[in-house]
Amino acid sequence: MNTVSFNRQGGGLGRQLPGEDHISGLVFYGLPELAKVEIIEVEQLATMGITAVSHPVIHYHVSEYFRVNPGSKLYIVSKLLNDGQFNDVKQLQQFAEGKIRQIGVVDLLTVFATIVTASEALNSRLNELAIANMPCSGVISFHNITNANLLALPNLRVLSCERLSVCIGQDGSGRGNYVSGIFGKKVGIVGATMGAISKAKVHESIGWVEKQNLVTGTYAKSLTDDLVVARELDVVKFIDGTLVSDFTPAQIQAINDKGYLFPMKHIGYTGTFFNDSYTATAVDSDFMTIENNRAIDKAQRGVYVKLLPKISGPIYIDPATGLISEDSIASLEAIASIALEQMERDGEVSGFKVFINPDQDVLASSKITVTLKVVPVGVLREIVVNIGFAKQV
């Protein structure tokens, strides 16, 4: 029937998300040089001379980030070369004044043989940022991976890269697939991954099926040279270009067990979801998931801000013992608890305890040690249902 129809669209007001947990970064290696810049919406790229034609890979990943989590904030930088040290990650965090909570690296240069070395180098930079009280979680994608490489991926579970995740996902029939075709190399899904992480609360897994469906719509044909493409990430591949659906369940499980991130489907349920939220470390590590890292990082940042004003301030001593007075201990414990109390109210931790051992000689050392114990929020990764017939119930 002939008529005029309307599609109501949101996001035009450019409203920003509250807080800073969503603030993210993207570092590109192997693309034209681009100075560090803060971005709050995709449309801002055009004012910088970055279009889907001139910079297809950068434009795609930034678009994906804001598609998954509109209203958030992103810092980006692009480098033509990569010396393997990933110092640009630290420099971008410093440019952002330490506000970046999660940072993605699109590494178009590193070869398959040096994946482990590159991962360890990047994790070292992330550790250095944490020591400087600018902690953030990292995600990297490597793009020089063939089908044969995919079946021989190194086991990330033998590494100690607790702050880093390795994503080997690829869009299979949407704009990401189109961009990969014109670029000549699979471009991965780090933009969407960073969007998912920034969308999640710090205690939430990006694999949460109820909340983290990666399929939300189709890009305009103007971004794909008027070609009609599928909804983004509705068809999923691995970074080598092979459809995830072409692998057997056992092969997919083997890749999963090595600790990689990738998009997948759940039988009988519409959408695309992450397999999990692993980091590149042992399965028995307290920090083998992104959410555990983000929760403890937020606790660190919060306690740091509360305790910092006390640096170089007076602390009173019990004259009878020469140790810290009870009032001083109680005051510092209360101050350190403020940020954690808020996290507990917000459901980001299950509980916590702040403890200061009074048996510390502050007069001799001018130093005090505070112990924080945080009980995390659990993640329901598996549900086992016992089912069978019965004569009666």
Protein backbone atom coordinates (compact mmCIF):
# COMPACT_ATOMS: atom_id res chain seq x y z
CA MET A 1 0.00 0.00 0.00
CA ASN A 2 1.33 3.44 -0.94
CA THR A 3 2.16 5.50 2.14
CA VAL A 4 4.77 7.50 4.02
CA SER A 5 6.50 5.50 6.73
CA PHE A 6 8.78 6.57 9.57
CA ASN A 7 11.58 4.80 11.39
CA ARG A 8 12.18 6.34 14.81
CA GLN A 9 15.90 6.52 15.55
CA GLY A 10 17.74 7.18 18.79
CA GLY A 11 21.18 8.52 19.58
CA GLY A 12 20.81 11.86 17.85
CA LEU A 13 21.04 13.83 21.08
CA GLY A 14 24.52 12.50 21.74
CA ARG A 15 23.87 11.82 25.40
CA GLN A 16 26.92 10.53 27.24
CA LEU A 17 26.97 7.64 29.66
CA PRO A 18 27.62 8.48 33.33
CA GLY A 19 30.81 7.53 35.13
CA GLU A 20 34.10 6.46 33.57
CA ASP A 21 33.90 2.66 33.45
CA HIS A 22 32.96 2.86 29.76
CA ILE A 23 35.96 4.94 28.63
CA SER A 24 38.01 2.92 26.15
CA GLY A 25 40.97 3.13 23.79
CA LEU A 26 41.88 1.73 20.38
CA VAL A 27 45.43 1.46 19.03
CA PHE A 28 45.99 0.54 15.37
CA TYR A 29 49.24 -0.84 13.97
CA GLY A 30 49.85 -1.11 10.23
CA LEU A 31 47.61 1.78 9.17
CA PRO A 32 48.28 5.44 8.23
CA GLU A 33 49.52 7.63 11.08
CA LEU A 34 46.81 9.27 13.17
CA ALA A 35 47.49 11.46 16.19
CA LYS A 36 45.91 10.65 19.53
CA VAL A 37 42.36 11.96 19.76
CA GLU A 38 39.23 11.65 21.89
CA ILE A 39 36.00 10.62 20.14
CA ILE A 40 32.45 10.70 21.49
CA GLU A 41 30.55 9.74 18.32
CA VAL A 42 31.24 8.24 14.90
CA GLU A 43 30.23 11.45 13.11
CA GLN A 44 33.25 13.15 14.65
CA LEU A 45 35.53 11.13 12.34
CA ALA A 46 34.40 13.08 9.28
CA THR A 47 35.63 16.34 10.80
CA MET A 48 39.06 14.69 11.09
CA GLY A 49 39.10 13.60 7.45
CA ILE A 50 38.49 9.96 8.35
CA THR A 51 35.83 8.32 6.20
CA ALA A 52 34.77 4.79 5.34
CA VAL A 53 36.64 5.24 2.05
CA SER A 54 39.84 6.97 3.17
CA HIS A 55 40.37 4.95 6.37
CA PRO A 56 38.10 1.89 6.08
CA VAL A 57 39.59 -0.15 8.94
CA ILE A 58 39.71 2.66 11.49
CA HIS A 59 36.23 3.87 10.52
CA TYR A 60 34.86 0.35 10.82
CA HIS A 61 36.23 -0.38 14.30
CA VAL A 62 35.18 3.00 15.67
CA SER A 63 31.72 2.47 14.16
CA GLU A 64 31.51 -0.97 15.74
CA TYR A 65 32.52 0.37 19.13
CA PHE A 66 29.73 2.94 19.14
CA ARG A 67 27.23 0.52 17.57
CA VAL A 68 27.62 -1.83 20.51
CA ASN A 69 27.82 0.90 23.16
CA PRO A 70 26.55 4.30 22.01
CA GLY A 71 27.10 7.22 24.35
CA SER A 72 30.49 6.03 25.57
CA LYS A 73 33.88 7.66 25.04
CA LEU A 74 36.82 6.44 22.97
CA TYR A 75 40.45 7.45 22.50
CA ILE A 76 42.28 6.31 19.36
CA VAL A 77 45.73 6.44 17.78
CA SER A 78 47.15 4.82 14.65
CA LYS A 79 50.73 3.90 13.80
CA LEU A 80 52.17 2.72 10.50
CA LEU A 81 54.82 0.58 12.21
CA ASN A 82 55.05 -1.51 15.37
CA ASP A 83 58.35 -2.06 17.13
CA GLY A 84 56.80 -4.84 19.19
CA GLN A 85 56.92 -2.92 22.48
CA PHE A 86 53.41 -1.40 22.39
CA ASN A 87 54.46 1.83 24.07
CA ASP A 88 51.67 3.58 22.18
CA VAL A 89 49.26 1.89 24.58
CA LYS A 90 50.91 3.66 27.51
CA GLN A 91 51.09 6.95 25.63
CA LEU A 92 47.40 6.83 24.74
CA GLN A 93 46.53 6.19 28.40
CA GLN A 94 48.69 9.13 29.45
CA PHE A 95 47.03 11.30 26.80
CA ALA A 96 43.67 10.32 28.30
CA GLU A 97 44.97 11.30 31.76
CA GLY A 98 44.60 7.72 32.95
CA LYS A 99 40.86 7.55 32.26
CA ILE A 100 40.93 4.58 29.86
CA ARG A 101 39.51 1.45 31.52
CA GLN A 102 39.91 -0.96 28.59
CA ILE A 103 42.08 -0.69 25.51
CA GLY A 104 42.04 -2.65 22.26
CA VAL A 105 44.91 -3.21 19.85
CA VAL A 106 44.35 -3.97 16.16
CA ASP A 107 47.74 -5.40 15.21
CA LEU A 108 47.91 -5.87 11.44
CA LEU A 109 51.67 -6.45 11.47
CA THR A 110 52.65 -9.13 14.00
CA VAL A 111 53.19 -12.54 12.41
CA PHE A 112 51.86 -15.81 13.76
CA ALA A 113 55.24 -17.00 15.02
CA THR A 114 55.56 -14.08 17.44
CA ILE A 115 52.04 -14.03 18.91
CA VAL A 116 53.25 -15.14 22.35
CA THR A 117 56.12 -12.65 22.42
CA ALA A 118 53.81 -9.81 21.37
CA SER A 119 51.19 -10.78 23.95
CA GLU A 120 53.76 -10.79 26.74
CA ALA A 121 55.14 -7.42 25.65
CA LEU A 122 51.69 -5.83 25.61
CA ASN A 123 50.81 -7.32 28.98
CA SER A 124 54.03 -5.80 30.37
CA ARG A 125 52.87 -2.36 29.25
CA LEU A 126 49.49 -2.96 30.90
CA ASN A 127 51.24 -3.98 34.13
CA GLU A 128 53.30 -0.79 34.02
CA LEU A 129 50.14 1.25 33.72
CA ALA A 130 48.64 -0.54 36.71
CA ILE A 131 51.72 0.21 38.80
CA ALA A 132 51.25 3.87 37.86
CA ASN A 133 47.63 3.68 39.12
CA MET A 134 46.19 3.74 35.59
CA PRO A 135 45.04 0.10 35.33
CA CYS A 136 43.12 -1.10 32.30
CA SER A 137 42.20 -4.35 30.58
CA GLY A 138 43.65 -5.07 27.14
CA VAL A 139 42.39 -6.93 24.07
CA ILE A 140 44.49 -7.63 20.99
CA SER A 141 43.75 -9.20 17.62
CA PHE A 142 46.41 -10.68 15.36
CA HIS A 143 45.63 -10.75 11.65
CA ASN A 144 48.35 -12.79 9.95
CA ILE A 145 46.70 -16.09 10.84
CA THR A 146 45.90 -18.82 8.31
CA ASN A 147 43.54 -21.76 8.63
CA ALA A 148 46.48 -24.02 9.45
CA ASN A 149 47.61 -21.53 12.12
CA LEU A 150 44.15 -21.52 13.67
CA LEU A 151 44.31 -25.22 14.39
CA ALA A 152 47.77 -24.76 15.92
CA LEU A 153 47.17 -21.67 18.04
CA PRO A 154 49.45 -21.35 21.07
CA ASN A 155 47.84 -22.23 24.38
CA LEU A 156 47.24 -18.96 26.22
CA ARG A 157 46.68 -20.90 29.45
CA VAL A 158 50.43 -21.35 29.89
CA LEU A 159 51.03 -17.58 29.80
CA SER A 160 50.85 -15.11 32.68
CA CYS A 161 49.17 -12.26 30.80
CA GLU A 162 46.40 -11.63 33.30
CA ARG A 163 45.51 -8.20 31.94
CA LEU A 164 45.29 -9.23 28.28
CA SER A 165 42.77 -11.08 26.13
CA VAL A 166 43.32 -12.29 22.56
CA CYS A 167 40.34 -12.03 20.21
CA ILE A 168 40.27 -14.13 17.03
CA GLY A 169 36.78 -13.23 15.78
CA GLN A 170 35.72 -11.85 12.41
CA ASP A 171 32.44 -10.69 10.88
CA GLY A 172 31.35 -13.14 8.18
CA SER A 173 28.86 -11.37 5.95
CA GLY A 174 28.38 -7.78 7.09
CA ARG A 175 30.41 -4.60 6.85
CA GLY A 176 33.42 -6.19 8.52
CA ASN A 177 33.53 -8.81 5.80
CA TYR A 178 33.22 -6.07 3.16
CA VAL A 179 36.02 -3.99 4.70
CA SER A 180 38.23 -7.08 4.88
CA GLY A 181 37.66 -7.63 1.17
CA ILE A 182 38.70 -4.14 0.09
CA PHE A 183 41.57 -4.00 2.59
CA GLY A 184 42.95 -7.38 1.61
CA LYS A 185 43.21 -8.76 5.13
CA LYS A 186 40.71 -9.83 7.78
CA VAL A 187 40.19 -6.86 10.10
CA GLY A 188 38.79 -8.63 13.18
CA ILE A 189 36.25 -7.41 15.73
CA VAL A 190 38.24 -5.50 18.33
CA GLY A 191 35.96 -2.47 17.94
CA ALA A 192 32.88 -4.52 18.79
CA THR A 193 34.77 -6.28 21.58
CA MET A 194 35.71 -2.99 23.21
CA GLY A 195 32.11 -1.85 22.85
CA ALA A 196 30.92 -4.99 24.65
CA ILE A 197 33.43 -4.60 27.48
CA SER A 198 32.60 -0.93 27.96
CA LYS A 199 28.88 -1.76 27.91
CA ALA A 200 29.24 -4.36 30.66
CA LYS A 201 29.39 -3.34 34.30
CA VAL A 202 32.78 -4.14 35.76
CA HIS A 203 31.58 -7.39 37.35
CA GLU A 204 29.72 -8.64 34.27
CA SER A 205 31.00 -11.12 31.69
CA ILE A 206 30.89 -10.06 28.05
CA GLY A 207 29.58 -13.57 27.40
CA TRP A 208 26.30 -12.83 29.25
CA VAL A 209 23.71 -14.11 26.78
CA GLU A 210 20.81 -12.08 28.16
CA LYS A 211 22.63 -8.76 27.81
CA GLN A 212 25.43 -9.07 25.25
CA ASN A 213 23.86 -9.92 21.88
CA LEU A 214 26.35 -8.54 19.33
CA VAL A 215 23.77 -8.36 16.52
CA THR A 216 21.85 -5.09 16.54
CA GLY A 217 21.38 -4.02 12.92
CA THR A 218 22.72 -3.46 9.42
CA TYR A 219 24.98 -0.65 8.24
CA ALA A 220 23.81 1.79 5.58
CA LYS A 221 24.66 0.78 2.00
CA SER A 222 26.60 4.01 1.62
CA LEU A 223 29.28 2.46 3.84
CA THR A 224 29.62 -0.65 1.67
CA ASP A 225 29.67 0.87 -1.83
CA ASP A 226 25.89 0.34 -2.16
CA LEU A 227 26.25 -3.39 -1.58
CA VAL A 228 23.60 -5.04 0.57
CA VAL A 229 25.28 -6.84 3.46
CA ALA A 230 24.00 -8.92 6.35
CA ARG A 231 23.48 -7.64 9.86
CA GLU A 232 26.83 -7.09 11.51
CA LEU A 233 28.17 -10.22 13.22
CA ASP A 234 25.04 -12.20 12.37
CA VAL A 235 27.39 -14.49 10.43
CA VAL A 236 30.61 -15.16 12.32
CA LYS A 237 34.07 -16.32 11.34
CA PHE A 238 37.44 -16.82 12.91
CA ILE A 239 40.18 -14.33 12.04
CA ASP A 240 41.52 -16.64 9.30
CA GLY A 241 38.24 -16.24 7.40
CA THR A 242 36.77 -19.66 8.17
CA LEU A 243 33.15 -19.78 9.28
CA VAL A 244 32.81 -20.78 12.92
CA SER A 245 30.01 -23.10 11.80
CA ASP A 246 32.49 -25.03 9.62
CA PHE A 247 34.30 -26.28 12.72
CA THR A 248 33.22 -29.29 14.71
CA PRO A 249 32.09 -28.79 18.31
CA ALA A 250 35.28 -30.52 19.45
CA GLN A 251 37.47 -28.14 17.42
CA ILE A 252 35.62 -25.09 18.77
CA GLN A 253 35.95 -26.41 22.31
CA ALA A 254 39.68 -26.92 21.80
CA ILE A 255 40.11 -23.29 20.70
CA ASN A 256 37.97 -22.16 23.63
CA ASP A 257 40.06 -24.19 26.07
CA LYS A 258 43.19 -22.37 24.88
CA GLY A 259 41.74 -19.14 26.25
CA TYR A 260 40.80 -17.15 23.13
CA LEU A 261 37.81 -14.84 22.63
CA PHE A 262 35.57 -15.33 19.60
CA PRO A 263 31.92 -14.83 18.60
CA MET A 264 29.57 -17.81 18.46
CA LYS A 265 25.97 -18.91 18.20
CA HIS A 266 23.83 -20.72 20.76
CA ILE A 267 21.51 -23.42 19.45
CA GLY A 268 17.87 -22.30 19.33
CA TYR A 269 18.62 -18.73 20.42
CA THR A 270 18.78 -15.75 18.07
CA GLY A 271 21.91 -13.62 18.11
CA THR A 272 25.69 -13.77 18.35
CA PHE A 273 27.60 -13.87 21.63
CA PHE A 274 31.14 -14.15 22.95
CA ASN A 275 32.30 -17.61 23.96
CA ASP A 276 33.54 -16.22 27.29
CA SER A 277 35.63 -13.43 28.81
CA TYR A 278 39.01 -15.11 29.16
CA THR A 279 42.38 -13.51 29.70
CA ALA A 280 45.66 -15.08 28.60
CA THR A 281 46.58 -16.82 31.81
CA ALA A 282 46.10 -20.04 33.76
CA VAL A 283 42.59 -21.24 34.56
CA ASP A 284 43.35 -21.21 38.28
CA SER A 285 44.35 -17.53 38.28
CA ASP A 286 42.11 -15.11 40.17
CA PHE A 287 42.38 -12.88 37.11
CA MET A 288 41.56 -15.32 34.31
CA THR A 289 38.52 -13.26 33.25
CA ILE A 290 38.05 -9.69 32.11
CA GLU A 291 35.38 -9.00 34.73
CA ASN A 292 37.62 -9.98 37.65
CA ASN A 293 40.31 -7.65 36.33
CA ARG A 294 37.90 -4.77 35.80
CA ALA A 295 36.36 -5.16 39.26
CA ILE A 296 39.70 -5.20 41.07
CA ASP A 297 40.98 -2.34 38.89
CA LYS A 298 37.96 -0.24 39.83
CA ALA A 299 38.58 -1.02 43.49
CA GLN A 300 42.23 0.00 43.10
CA ARG A 301 41.31 3.28 41.41
CA GLY A 302 38.66 4.09 44.00
CA VAL A 303 40.81 3.38 47.04
CA TYR A 304 43.75 5.25 45.47
CA VAL A 305 41.67 8.41 45.04
CA LYS A 306 40.45 8.24 48.64
CA LEU A 307 43.84 7.55 50.23
CA LEU A 308 45.95 9.86 48.08
CA PRO A 309 45.05 13.07 49.99
CA LYS A 310 46.50 11.48 53.13
CA ILE A 311 49.99 11.20 51.61
CA SER A 312 52.51 13.35 53.56
CA GLY A 313 49.88 14.00 56.20
CA PRO A 314 50.26 13.31 59.93
CA ILE A 315 49.51 9.96 61.51
CA TYR A 316 49.28 9.67 65.26
CA ILE A 317 51.11 7.17 67.40
CA ASP A 318 50.04 5.46 70.60
CA PRO A 319 52.64 6.78 73.09
CA ALA A 320 52.32 3.65 75.21
CA THR A 321 53.29 1.28 72.38
CA GLY A 322 55.03 3.41 69.75
CA LEU A 323 52.67 1.95 67.16
CA ILE A 324 49.78 3.44 65.17
CA SER A 325 46.96 4.73 67.32
CA GLU A 326 43.56 3.04 67.16
CA ASP A 327 41.93 6.29 66.01
CA SER A 328 44.36 6.63 63.09
CA ILE A 329 43.73 3.05 62.04
CA ALA A 330 39.96 3.45 62.24
CA SER A 331 40.09 6.66 60.22
CA LEU A 332 42.20 5.20 57.41
CA GLU A 333 40.15 2.00 57.27
CA ALA A 334 36.96 4.05 56.97
CA ILE A 335 38.43 6.22 54.21
CA ALA A 336 39.66 3.21 52.23
CA SER A 337 36.23 1.61 52.56
CA ILE A 338 34.29 4.45 50.91
CA ALA A 339 34.88 3.40 47.31
CA LEU A 340 34.34 -0.28 48.07
CA GLU A 341 31.10 0.44 49.91
CA GLN A 342 29.81 2.14 46.78
CA MET A 343 30.85 -0.82 44.63
CA GLU A 344 29.03 -3.14 47.03
CA ARG A 345 25.88 -1.01 46.83
CA ASP A 346 26.12 -1.06 43.04
CA GLY A 347 26.40 -4.86 43.00
CA GLU A 348 29.94 -4.81 41.59
CA VAL A 349 31.46 -6.80 44.47
CA SER A 350 29.88 -9.27 46.88
CA GLY A 351 31.73 -7.89 49.88
CA PHE A 352 35.07 -6.62 51.16
CA LYS A 353 37.24 -6.06 54.20
CA VAL A 354 39.82 -3.37 54.89
CA PHE A 355 42.44 -4.17 57.51
CA ILE A 356 45.44 -2.27 58.87
CA ASN A 357 47.78 -4.19 61.13
CA PRO A 358 48.55 -1.91 64.09
CA ASP A 359 51.97 -3.55 64.54
CA GLN A 360 53.72 -1.22 62.07
CA ASP A 361 56.54 1.14 62.96
CA VAL A 362 55.50 4.22 61.00
CA LEU A 363 58.00 6.45 62.83
CA ALA A 364 60.85 4.39 61.39
CA SER A 365 59.49 3.76 57.89
CA SER A 366 56.95 6.56 57.23
CA LYS A 367 54.97 3.83 55.50
CA ILE A 368 51.79 1.95 56.28
CA THR A 369 50.43 -1.22 54.68
CA VAL A 370 46.69 -1.54 54.10
CA THR A 371 45.19 -4.95 53.26
CA LEU A 372 42.10 -5.11 51.06
CA LYS A 373 40.17 -8.34 50.63
CA VAL A 374 37.46 -8.23 47.97
CA VAL A 375 34.84 -10.94 47.40
CA PRO A 376 33.94 -10.85 43.69
CA VAL A 377 30.57 -11.43 42.05
CA GLY A 378 30.31 -14.87 40.51
CA VAL A 379 29.48 -15.63 36.87
CA LEU A 380 27.11 -18.47 35.95
CA ARG A 381 29.05 -20.22 33.17
CA GLU A 382 27.27 -23.55 33.16
CA ILE A 383 23.90 -24.90 34.21
CA VAL A 384 23.53 -28.65 34.61
CA VAL A 385 19.97 -29.96 34.38
CA ASN A 386 19.16 -33.54 35.36
CA ILE A 387 16.19 -34.62 33.24
CA GLY A 388 14.36 -37.91 32.88
CA PHE A 389 11.01 -39.68 33.02
CA ALA A 390 9.31 -40.68 36.25
CA LYS A 391 6.20 -42.68 37.09
CA GLN A 392 4.97 -39.83 39.22
CA VAL A 393 6.09 -36.45 40.49
